[in-house]
Amino acid sequence: MNPDIQNASVSTDRSSETRARILDAALREFSALGMAGARMDQIAAAAGVNKALLYYHFDSKENLYIAAVEMISAKIRDLSMAVFLRDASPGERLLRAALNHFDRILAQGEFQSLMQQEMMRMHQGESDALPVLVKRVFAPLQTMYQSMMREGIASGELIDVDWLQIHLATLGANVFYFLAAPVWRILMPFEPFAPDALAARRRAVVEFLGQAVFIDRAHGAELAARVLADTPMPELPSTRHLFGRNDERKK
């Protein structure tokens, strides 16, 4: 290989690695502290670069924020889209989509945090990133979900009801469980974010749908058992911040 070409390739690889480190550090900082609270010098330090190099790759804090949102959005979209493109019946894909959403809340805390922040910023007329989230993640996923539901209804596998209502009932139940954790802590005799409670809840989500949306409930129950058996719950760090709340009960 021509030495000049080889050197240029090495330089490009290093530049890409540096950019990736900066984006990873930015994602952690922005998800923890928000757009206003994040500091560029802290991001540079976490990425192992100086501020000059950080600004070389991203000429402003706002552009870095948008780039971080785009990066995590693409990751979430691809992970979720893989479920919809799976070689399986519409009903099985629906169950896997519900479980994938539950596990995404567990394992993708940065994305959930950015979503909350952007919804609040949009309410205040300040958000530039929420349209990115909608365009890159939610629009293509909703199109796929709607197509999947209609296919399942037409084939006779799924009950003939409004597809959006099933969508809301499926994902809304997941969101409500995490958002209402402070209430569950008062109402229920268990810690809602304890591993055994989370395992029971994710299992209940899939088993419920297997009974509720399938015309043949035995078929739905069989699919639910299969999906749960081959999709283990993601491993979680000892401390989690789900929807902005620590999962460890205060002593």
Protein backbone atom coordinates (compact mmCIF):
# COMPACT_ATOMS: atom_id res chain seq x y z
CA MET A 1 0.00 0.00 0.00
CA ASN A 2 1.15 3.53 -0.74
CA PRO A 3 2.59 4.98 2.54
CA ASP A 4 0.65 8.21 2.08
CA ILE A 5 -2.60 6.31 1.67
CA GLN A 6 -1.80 4.12 4.67
CA ASN A 7 -1.00 7.14 6.84
CA ALA A 8 -4.20 8.84 5.75
CA SER A 9 -6.18 5.71 6.64
CA VAL A 10 -4.60 5.54 10.11
CA SER A 11 -5.32 9.23 10.64
CA THR A 12 -8.96 8.74 9.62
CA ASP A 13 -9.34 5.78 11.98
CA ARG A 14 -7.88 7.78 14.86
CA SER A 15 -10.17 10.71 14.07
CA SER A 16 -13.19 8.38 14.06
CA GLU A 17 -12.15 6.82 17.36
CA THR A 18 -11.68 10.25 18.90
CA ARG A 19 -15.09 11.38 17.68
CA ALA A 20 -16.68 8.22 19.08
CA ARG A 21 -15.05 8.78 22.49
CA ILE A 22 -16.27 12.35 22.55
CA LEU A 23 -19.82 11.30 21.68
CA ASP A 24 -19.84 8.58 24.35
CA ALA A 25 -18.61 11.05 26.97
CA ALA A 26 -21.10 13.68 25.79
CA LEU A 27 -23.97 11.23 25.98
CA ARG A 28 -23.17 10.42 29.61
CA GLU A 29 -22.78 14.09 30.52
CA PHE A 30 -25.91 15.32 28.74
CA SER A 31 -28.10 12.49 30.01
CA ALA A 32 -26.97 13.10 33.58
CA LEU A 33 -26.94 16.91 33.66
CA GLY A 34 -29.01 18.03 30.70
CA MET A 35 -28.15 20.45 27.95
CA ALA A 36 -27.82 23.41 30.31
CA GLY A 37 -25.87 21.65 33.05
CA ALA A 38 -23.34 19.76 30.92
CA ARG A 39 -19.88 21.30 30.61
CA MET A 40 -17.64 21.02 27.59
CA ASP A 41 -14.46 20.82 29.70
CA GLN A 42 -15.89 17.86 31.61
CA ILE A 43 -16.82 16.13 28.37
CA ALA A 44 -13.34 16.72 26.98
CA ALA A 45 -11.74 15.33 30.14
CA ALA A 46 -13.98 12.25 30.13
CA ALA A 47 -13.14 11.63 26.47
CA GLY A 48 -9.41 12.06 27.10
CA VAL A 49 -9.03 15.01 24.72
CA ASN A 50 -8.37 18.71 25.13
CA LYS A 51 -11.09 21.29 24.49
CA ALA A 52 -9.46 22.45 21.28
CA LEU A 53 -9.76 18.96 19.80
CA LEU A 54 -13.32 18.69 21.06
CA TYR A 55 -14.25 21.92 19.28
CA TYR A 56 -12.41 20.72 16.17
CA HIS A 57 -14.85 17.83 15.90
CA PHE A 58 -17.91 19.73 17.21
CA ASP A 59 -17.82 23.49 16.92
CA SER A 60 -20.44 24.15 19.60
CA LYS A 61 -22.10 22.59 22.60
CA GLU A 62 -25.42 22.60 20.75
CA ASN A 63 -24.00 20.70 17.79
CA LEU A 64 -22.36 18.17 20.08
CA TYR A 65 -25.67 17.66 21.87
CA ILE A 66 -27.52 17.08 18.60
CA ALA A 67 -24.82 14.66 17.44
CA ALA A 68 -25.08 12.69 20.70
CA VAL A 69 -28.86 12.51 20.35
CA GLU A 70 -28.53 11.34 16.75
CA MET A 71 -26.03 8.66 17.76
CA ILE A 72 -28.13 7.11 20.52
CA SER A 73 -31.29 7.48 18.43
CA ALA A 74 -29.77 5.48 15.58
CA LYS A 75 -28.71 2.76 18.01
CA ILE A 76 -32.19 2.47 19.53
CA ARG A 77 -33.83 2.52 16.10
CA ASP A 78 -31.62 -0.28 14.78
CA LEU A 79 -32.11 -2.47 17.86
CA SER A 80 -35.88 -2.02 17.73
CA MET A 81 -36.12 -2.39 13.96
CA ALA A 82 -34.37 -5.75 14.18
CA VAL A 83 -37.36 -7.01 16.18
CA PHE A 84 -39.85 -5.92 13.52
CA LEU A 85 -37.76 -7.49 10.74
CA ARG A 86 -37.42 -10.82 12.53
CA ASP A 87 -38.57 -13.92 10.64
CA ALA A 88 -41.60 -14.62 12.82
CA SER A 89 -45.37 -14.23 12.84
CA PRO A 90 -46.82 -10.77 13.54
CA GLY A 91 -47.97 -11.93 16.96
CA GLU A 92 -44.54 -13.13 17.98
CA ARG A 93 -42.98 -9.89 16.73
CA LEU A 94 -45.52 -7.91 18.76
CA LEU A 95 -44.54 -9.78 21.93
CA ARG A 96 -40.86 -9.28 21.20
CA ALA A 97 -41.44 -5.58 20.55
CA ALA A 98 -43.11 -5.18 23.95
CA LEU A 99 -40.25 -6.99 25.68
CA ASN A 100 -37.65 -5.06 23.70
CA HIS A 101 -39.26 -1.80 24.85
CA PHE A 102 -39.25 -2.90 28.49
CA ASP A 103 -35.61 -3.94 28.27
CA ARG A 104 -34.71 -0.71 26.48
CA ILE A 105 -35.96 1.27 29.46
CA LEU A 106 -33.79 -0.92 31.69
CA ALA A 107 -30.63 -0.93 29.64
CA GLN A 108 -30.70 2.39 27.76
CA GLY A 109 -30.96 4.87 30.61
CA GLU A 110 -29.20 7.62 28.67
CA PHE A 111 -31.81 7.51 25.93
CA GLN A 112 -34.69 7.59 28.39
CA SER A 113 -33.14 10.53 30.22
CA LEU A 114 -32.64 12.50 27.00
CA MET A 115 -36.23 11.81 25.98
CA GLN A 116 -37.57 13.22 29.23
CA GLN A 117 -35.34 16.25 29.03
CA GLU A 118 -36.34 16.97 25.45
CA MET A 119 -40.04 16.68 26.20
CA MET A 120 -39.63 19.22 28.99
CA ARG A 121 -37.55 21.48 26.76
CA MET A 122 -40.12 21.21 23.98
CA HIS A 123 -42.83 22.24 26.44
CA GLN A 124 -40.73 25.31 27.18
CA GLY A 125 -40.15 26.00 23.49
CA GLU A 126 -36.43 25.20 23.71
CA SER A 127 -36.02 21.77 22.13
CA ASP A 128 -34.10 21.26 18.90
CA ALA A 129 -33.45 17.55 19.48
CA LEU A 130 -36.96 16.12 19.98
CA PRO A 131 -37.75 16.37 16.26
CA VAL A 132 -34.57 14.34 15.70
CA LEU A 133 -35.79 11.66 18.12
CA VAL A 134 -39.18 11.54 16.44
CA LYS A 135 -37.83 11.47 12.89
CA ARG A 136 -34.98 9.02 13.52
CA VAL A 137 -36.64 6.65 16.00
CA PHE A 138 -40.36 6.89 16.51
CA ALA A 139 -41.64 7.59 12.99
CA PRO A 140 -40.09 4.50 11.31
CA LEU A 141 -40.89 2.29 14.31
CA GLN A 142 -44.52 3.38 14.40
CA THR A 143 -44.85 2.68 10.68
CA MET A 144 -43.47 -0.81 11.20
CA TYR A 145 -45.70 -1.41 14.24
CA GLN A 146 -48.82 -0.37 12.36
CA SER A 147 -47.94 -2.63 9.43
CA MET A 148 -47.25 -5.54 11.79
CA MET A 149 -50.59 -5.15 13.57
CA ARG A 150 -52.55 -4.98 10.33
CA GLU A 151 -50.77 -8.06 9.05
CA GLY A 152 -51.59 -9.94 12.25
CA ILE A 153 -55.25 -8.92 12.12
CA ALA A 154 -55.58 -9.83 8.44
CA SER A 155 -54.02 -13.26 9.05
CA GLY A 156 -56.42 -14.01 11.90
CA GLU A 157 -53.66 -14.28 14.51
CA LEU A 158 -54.50 -11.06 16.37
CA ILE A 159 -57.83 -9.64 17.50
CA ASP A 160 -59.42 -7.05 15.22
CA VAL A 161 -59.14 -3.84 17.23
CA ASP A 162 -57.59 -0.42 16.73
CA TRP A 163 -53.85 -0.96 16.22
CA LEU A 164 -52.94 2.26 18.00
CA GLN A 165 -54.83 1.20 21.13
CA ILE A 166 -52.78 -1.99 21.35
CA HIS A 167 -49.65 0.09 20.76
CA LEU A 168 -50.58 2.44 23.61
CA ALA A 169 -51.61 -0.40 25.91
CA THR A 170 -48.38 -2.29 25.25
CA LEU A 171 -45.78 0.44 25.53
CA GLY A 172 -47.80 2.68 27.81
CA ALA A 173 -47.93 -0.01 30.47
CA ASN A 174 -44.14 -0.25 30.45
CA VAL A 175 -43.67 3.50 30.74
CA PHE A 176 -46.27 3.86 33.48
CA TYR A 177 -44.61 1.20 35.62
CA PHE A 178 -41.30 3.06 35.67
CA LEU A 179 -42.77 6.55 35.94
CA ALA A 180 -45.00 5.58 38.84
CA ALA A 181 -42.23 3.90 40.87
CA PRO A 182 -42.52 6.41 43.77
CA VAL A 183 -46.20 5.51 44.06
CA TRP A 184 -45.51 1.77 43.88
CA ARG A 185 -43.00 2.16 46.71
CA ILE A 186 -45.78 3.49 48.91
CA LEU A 187 -48.55 1.18 47.72
CA MET A 188 -46.69 -2.11 47.36
CA PRO A 189 -44.63 -4.12 49.84
CA PHE A 190 -41.70 -4.44 47.45
CA GLU A 191 -39.01 -2.35 45.78
CA PRO A 192 -40.23 -1.81 42.17
CA PHE A 193 -36.71 -1.69 40.73
CA ALA A 194 -35.39 -4.74 42.56
CA PRO A 195 -34.20 -7.43 40.11
CA ASP A 196 -36.88 -9.93 41.10
CA ALA A 197 -39.64 -7.32 40.76
CA LEU A 198 -38.38 -6.24 37.35
CA ALA A 199 -38.16 -9.87 36.19
CA ALA A 200 -41.73 -10.51 37.33
CA ARG A 201 -43.02 -7.37 35.63
CA ARG A 202 -41.38 -8.02 32.26
CA ARG A 203 -42.71 -11.58 32.36
CA ALA A 204 -46.22 -10.34 33.19
CA VAL A 205 -46.16 -7.89 30.27
CA VAL A 206 -45.53 -10.63 27.72
CA GLU A 207 -47.85 -13.18 29.32
CA PHE A 208 -50.67 -10.64 29.48
CA LEU A 209 -50.34 -9.78 25.79
CA GLY A 210 -50.24 -13.47 24.93
CA GLN A 211 -53.69 -13.79 26.46
CA ALA A 212 -55.15 -10.40 25.52
CA VAL A 213 -54.43 -9.80 21.84
CA PHE A 214 -54.38 -13.29 20.30
CA ILE A 215 -57.51 -14.91 18.93
CA ASP A 216 -56.10 -18.31 19.92
CA ARG A 217 -55.01 -17.81 23.51
CA ALA A 218 -53.20 -21.12 23.67
CA HIS A 219 -51.12 -20.02 20.71
CA GLY A 220 -50.47 -16.67 22.39
CA ALA A 221 -49.41 -18.33 25.62
CA GLU A 222 -47.05 -20.64 23.74
CA LEU A 223 -45.44 -17.72 21.93
CA ALA A 224 -45.13 -15.75 25.17
CA ALA A 225 -43.32 -18.64 26.83
CA ARG A 226 -40.96 -18.98 23.87
CA VAL A 227 -40.15 -15.28 23.74
CA LEU A 228 -39.43 -15.12 27.46
CA ALA A 229 -37.32 -18.27 27.36
CA ASP A 230 -34.95 -17.02 24.66
CA THR A 231 -34.75 -13.37 25.80
CA PRO A 232 -33.00 -13.08 29.16
CA MET A 233 -33.33 -9.84 31.10
CA PRO A 234 -30.36 -7.54 30.45
CA GLU A 235 -27.75 -7.33 33.16
CA LEU A 236 -27.92 -4.12 35.14
CA PRO A 237 -25.29 -2.22 37.14
CA SER A 238 -25.80 -2.12 40.90
CA THR A 239 -27.10 1.45 40.65
CA ARG A 240 -29.56 2.52 38.01
CA HIS A 241 -31.28 5.81 37.26
CA LEU A 242 -34.52 4.92 35.52
CA PHE A 243 -36.63 7.89 34.52
CA GLY A 244 -34.41 10.08 36.68
CA ARG A 245 -34.83 8.01 39.84
CA ASN A 246 -32.33 5.89 41.69
CA ASP A 247 -33.50 2.29 41.93
CA GLU A 248 -32.07 1.81 45.38
CA ARG A 249 -34.46 2.56 48.22
CA LYS A 250 -33.17 5.32 50.44
CA LYS A 251 -32.28 4.08 53.88
